[in-house]
Amino acid sequence: MTTTIGIAGITGRMGQLLAEEAGTAGATLSGGTSRANPDLAALAAQSDVIIDFTNAATAQATATIMAASGKAWILGTSGLSATDEAAVEAAAQKIPVVYASNFSAGVNLVLALAERMGAALPADAYDAEIVEMHHRQKVDAPSGTAIGMGRAVAKGRGVILDEVMESGRHGHTGPRKTGAIGFAALRGGQVVGEHSLIFAAGSEHIVLTHRAFDRRTFATGAVRAAFWAATQPPGLYSMMDVLGMA
């Protein structure tokens, strides 16, 4: 049986890639929403799964619509607030939701390693710093993937990221806090996405780096998640679940 996929924001750069990848993977494309045709509820009614890489400002409204639709939701939008994420979690009680900071298989392998390294490298000896760079049009910082890296390290260390996060240092900040997870965001040109996680100790540095050269890798992963989610019960899932790594 063919999986029918709808694309939220189909006319955008990412939306077009998602439509191409859905067709290549053998899915039936039901259509998509756009500024000219914003009716997500109608699209969901014609689809098994909605893939959404749109805007954080629409996340809560989309969560309400998707929960009512009963259809699976693949969410790759970054920059969600705690309130937005609570709305996503509420929707996941009624439908399968795959919410990921990054749908690249390579990035998710890095996230798995980040958690293990966070657990293995003591916070009082290894300072964790995350550096990311994206194209000049990106509107949120740090990136969702960088936040995902930080959460992975924090999970490995048994702490909550919000309690140890240091971002955008400026001025007389004083010495670095032990156990902090630092973030630096760079913007320029048309960089698709570069992320480095650095564990810096007095006697060694360990660096995990992922570079994306084509946005298609995110679209390929999201379509893979759509096929997977179409057969799952309600719940909040990650790309780790899709890859069988959870």
Protein backbone atom coordinates (compact mmCIF):
# COMPACT_ATOMS: atom_id res chain seq x y z
CA MET A 1 0.00 0.00 0.00
CA THR A 2 1.39 3.40 -1.01
CA THR A 3 1.97 6.04 1.65
CA THR A 4 0.42 9.40 0.80
CA ILE A 5 2.51 12.38 1.89
CA GLY A 6 1.54 16.05 2.13
CA ILE A 7 4.14 18.81 2.37
CA ALA A 8 3.58 21.88 4.53
CA GLY A 9 5.25 24.81 2.75
CA ILE A 10 5.65 22.95 -0.52
CA THR A 11 6.68 26.02 -2.51
CA GLY A 12 9.73 26.75 -0.34
CA ARG A 13 13.24 25.53 -1.01
CA MET A 14 12.96 22.68 1.47
CA GLY A 15 9.38 21.93 0.46
CA GLN A 16 10.40 21.37 -3.14
CA LEU A 17 13.17 18.98 -2.10
CA LEU A 18 10.74 17.08 0.11
CA ALA A 19 8.31 16.73 -2.79
CA GLU A 20 11.08 15.42 -5.06
CA GLU A 21 12.33 12.93 -2.46
CA ALA A 22 8.79 11.69 -1.69
CA GLY A 23 8.30 10.89 -5.37
CA THR A 24 11.70 9.22 -5.66
CA ALA A 25 10.91 7.04 -2.63
CA GLY A 26 7.66 5.84 -4.22
CA ALA A 27 5.19 7.79 -2.09
CA THR A 28 2.04 9.40 -3.46
CA LEU A 29 2.23 13.18 -3.13
CA SER A 30 -1.13 14.58 -2.05
CA GLY A 31 -0.04 18.19 -2.47
CA GLY A 32 1.06 20.90 -0.10
CA THR A 33 0.24 24.12 1.65
CA SER A 34 1.53 27.52 0.61
CA ARG A 35 0.70 31.15 1.20
CA ALA A 36 -1.80 30.91 -1.64
CA ASN A 37 -3.25 27.65 -0.31
CA PRO A 38 -2.79 27.50 3.50
CA ASP A 39 -5.48 24.90 4.31
CA LEU A 40 -3.48 22.34 6.31
CA ALA A 41 -6.60 20.56 7.59
CA ALA A 42 -7.73 19.83 4.02
CA LEU A 43 -4.26 18.59 3.09
CA ALA A 44 -4.10 16.31 6.14
CA ALA A 45 -7.49 14.83 5.24
CA GLN A 46 -6.00 13.70 1.92
CA SER A 47 -2.73 12.40 3.39
CA ASP A 48 -1.35 9.64 5.59
CA VAL A 49 1.53 11.84 6.77
CA ILE A 50 2.33 15.57 6.78
CA ILE A 51 5.96 16.68 6.60
CA ASP A 52 6.46 20.13 8.10
CA PHE A 53 9.65 22.22 7.85
CA THR A 54 7.89 25.58 8.02
CA ASN A 55 8.06 28.25 10.72
CA ALA A 56 8.13 28.09 14.51
CA ALA A 57 5.42 30.75 14.64
CA THR A 58 2.90 28.26 13.26
CA ALA A 59 3.86 25.30 15.45
CA GLN A 60 1.06 25.57 18.02
CA ALA A 61 -1.68 26.07 15.43
CA THR A 62 -0.29 23.20 13.37
CA ALA A 63 -0.19 20.94 16.44
CA THR A 64 -3.89 21.56 17.04
CA ILE A 65 -4.80 20.85 13.41
CA MET A 66 -2.67 17.73 13.20
CA ALA A 67 -4.00 16.30 16.47
CA ALA A 68 -7.56 16.70 15.16
CA SER A 69 -6.65 15.12 11.81
CA GLY A 70 -5.47 11.82 13.26
CA LYS A 71 -2.60 11.72 10.73
CA ALA A 72 1.13 11.32 11.34
CA TRP A 73 3.25 14.48 11.58
CA ILE A 74 6.94 14.81 10.71
CA LEU A 75 8.21 18.02 12.28
CA GLY A 76 11.61 19.46 11.35
CA THR A 77 10.99 23.12 12.18
CA SER A 78 13.67 24.64 14.42
CA GLY A 79 13.48 27.44 16.96
CA LEU A 80 10.48 26.07 18.89
CA SER A 81 9.87 27.54 22.34
CA ALA A 82 9.05 25.49 25.42
CA THR A 83 5.37 26.35 24.88
CA ASP A 84 5.58 25.21 21.25
CA GLU A 85 7.18 21.93 22.31
CA ALA A 86 4.46 21.40 24.91
CA ALA A 87 1.87 21.73 22.11
CA VAL A 88 3.79 19.15 20.06
CA GLU A 89 3.85 16.77 23.02
CA ALA A 90 0.11 17.21 23.49
CA ALA A 91 -0.51 16.37 19.83
CA ALA A 92 1.66 13.26 20.20
CA GLN A 93 -0.87 11.85 22.66
CA LYS A 94 -3.28 11.52 19.72
CA ILE A 95 -1.06 11.00 16.67
CA PRO A 96 2.44 9.73 15.85
CA VAL A 97 4.85 12.69 15.77
CA VAL A 98 8.48 12.47 14.69
CA TYR A 99 10.12 15.65 15.96
CA ALA A 100 13.83 16.00 15.24
CA SER A 101 16.36 18.81 15.22
CA ASN A 102 17.95 17.19 12.19
CA PHE A 103 16.82 14.34 9.92
CA SER A 104 20.28 13.48 8.57
CA ALA A 105 21.35 9.95 9.46
CA GLY A 106 24.91 11.19 9.97
CA VAL A 107 23.89 13.90 12.42
CA ASN A 108 21.87 11.43 14.45
CA LEU A 109 24.88 9.13 14.71
CA VAL A 110 26.85 12.15 15.99
CA LEU A 111 24.11 12.84 18.55
CA ALA A 112 24.33 9.25 19.78
CA LEU A 113 28.09 9.61 20.16
CA ALA A 114 27.65 12.99 21.88
CA GLU A 115 25.51 11.42 24.58
CA ARG A 116 27.98 8.60 25.17
CA MET A 117 30.90 11.01 25.31
CA GLY A 118 29.00 13.26 27.69
CA ALA A 119 28.61 10.29 30.00
CA ALA A 120 32.22 9.14 29.66
CA LEU A 121 34.07 12.48 29.90
CA PRO A 122 33.67 14.14 33.35
CA ALA A 123 32.21 17.64 33.23
CA ASP A 124 34.77 18.92 35.73
CA ALA A 125 37.63 17.89 33.43
CA TYR A 126 36.18 18.23 29.90
CA ASP A 127 34.56 21.51 28.89
CA ALA A 128 31.87 21.02 26.24
CA GLU A 129 31.56 23.70 23.54
CA ILE A 130 29.36 23.61 20.43
CA VAL A 131 30.12 25.74 17.37
CA GLU A 132 27.69 25.93 14.45
CA MET A 133 27.56 27.85 11.17
CA HIS A 134 24.66 28.38 8.77
CA HIS A 135 23.67 30.54 5.81
CA ARG A 136 23.00 34.19 6.38
CA GLN A 137 19.20 33.81 6.00
CA LYS A 138 18.78 31.55 9.04
CA VAL A 139 16.65 33.33 11.64
CA ASP A 140 17.19 31.27 14.82
CA ALA A 141 20.31 30.70 16.88
CA PRO A 142 21.71 28.44 18.14
CA SER A 143 20.46 26.04 15.49
CA GLY A 144 18.11 23.21 16.37
CA THR A 145 20.87 20.71 15.67
CA ALA A 146 23.26 22.54 18.00
CA ILE A 147 20.61 22.47 20.72
CA GLY A 148 20.16 18.76 20.00
CA MET A 149 23.89 18.22 20.50
CA GLY A 150 23.75 20.11 23.77
CA ARG A 151 20.79 18.08 24.96
CA ALA A 152 22.62 14.86 24.09
CA VAL A 153 25.69 15.90 26.11
CA ALA A 154 23.48 17.04 28.99
CA LYS A 155 21.58 13.75 28.96
CA GLY A 156 24.85 11.84 29.09
CA ARG A 157 25.90 13.95 32.08
CA GLY A 158 22.55 13.60 33.84
CA VAL A 159 21.74 17.31 33.78
CA ILE A 160 19.17 19.58 32.10
CA LEU A 161 20.57 21.67 29.24
CA ASP A 162 18.67 24.84 30.18
CA GLU A 163 20.42 24.83 33.56
CA VAL A 164 23.98 24.62 32.18
CA MET A 165 23.72 26.35 28.79
CA GLU A 166 25.93 29.37 28.02
CA SER A 167 25.25 31.09 24.71
CA GLY A 168 26.47 34.32 23.13
CA ARG A 169 29.20 35.26 25.61
CA HIS A 170 30.08 38.95 25.50
CA GLY A 171 31.94 41.40 27.68
CA HIS A 172 33.45 40.65 31.08
CA THR A 173 31.87 37.23 31.67
CA GLY A 174 34.25 35.97 34.33
CA PRO A 175 35.81 32.50 34.19
CA ARG A 176 34.03 29.62 32.52
CA LYS A 177 31.64 27.78 34.81
CA THR A 178 32.49 24.15 35.50
CA GLY A 179 29.98 21.88 33.80
CA ALA A 180 28.67 24.55 31.43
CA ILE A 181 27.81 23.64 27.84
CA GLY A 182 28.78 26.56 25.61
CA PHE A 183 27.34 27.60 22.23
CA ALA A 184 28.66 29.82 19.47
CA ALA A 185 26.59 30.58 16.36
CA LEU A 186 28.14 31.81 13.10
CA ARG A 187 26.14 33.12 10.12
CA GLY A 188 27.36 33.87 6.62
CA GLY A 189 27.20 33.00 2.95
CA GLN A 190 25.16 29.98 1.98
CA VAL A 191 26.49 27.34 4.40
CA VAL A 192 23.97 24.48 4.57
CA GLY A 193 25.03 23.45 8.05
CA GLU A 194 28.23 22.82 10.00
CA HIS A 195 28.32 21.63 13.61
CA SER A 196 31.27 20.83 15.84
CA LEU A 197 31.13 19.50 19.39
CA ILE A 198 34.36 20.10 21.28
CA PHE A 199 35.38 18.42 24.53
CA ALA A 200 38.34 20.45 25.81
CA ALA A 201 40.49 19.14 28.66
CA GLY A 202 43.82 20.35 29.94
CA SER A 203 45.73 17.67 28.07
CA GLU A 204 43.57 16.89 25.03
CA HIS A 205 40.75 18.09 22.79
CA ILE A 206 38.20 15.78 21.15
CA VAL A 207 36.10 17.17 18.30
CA LEU A 208 33.03 15.68 16.59
CA THR A 209 32.14 17.50 13.36
CA HIS A 210 29.34 17.12 10.85
CA ARG A 211 29.13 19.13 7.62
CA ALA A 212 26.10 19.09 5.34
CA PHE A 213 26.72 20.10 1.73
CA ASP A 214 23.21 19.55 0.36
CA ARG A 215 19.82 20.07 2.02
CA ARG A 216 18.61 16.95 0.24
CA THR A 217 20.08 14.84 3.03
CA PHE A 218 17.47 16.34 5.40
CA ALA A 219 14.66 15.71 2.91
CA THR A 220 15.73 12.09 2.38
CA GLY A 221 15.69 11.47 6.12
CA ALA A 222 12.32 13.17 6.61
CA VAL A 223 10.69 11.05 3.90
CA ARG A 224 12.19 7.95 5.52
CA ALA A 225 10.61 9.09 8.79
CA ALA A 226 7.26 9.60 7.04
CA PHE A 227 7.12 6.00 5.81
CA TRP A 228 8.04 4.80 9.30
CA ALA A 229 5.58 7.03 11.16
CA ALA A 230 2.66 6.02 8.96
CA THR A 231 2.56 2.62 10.69
CA GLN A 232 3.22 3.75 14.28
CA PRO A 233 0.81 4.30 17.19
CA PRO A 234 0.46 7.77 18.74
CA GLY A 235 3.58 8.97 20.49
CA LEU A 236 6.44 11.43 20.37
CA TYR A 237 9.33 9.95 18.42
CA SER A 238 12.75 11.11 17.27
CA MET A 239 14.91 10.24 14.29
CA MET A 240 16.70 7.86 16.61
CA ASP A 241 13.50 5.80 16.73
CA VAL A 242 13.26 5.83 12.94
CA LEU A 243 16.86 4.60 12.64
CA GLY A 244 16.33 1.92 15.30
CA MET A 245 18.85 3.55 17.64
CA ALA A 246 16.54 4.62 20.48
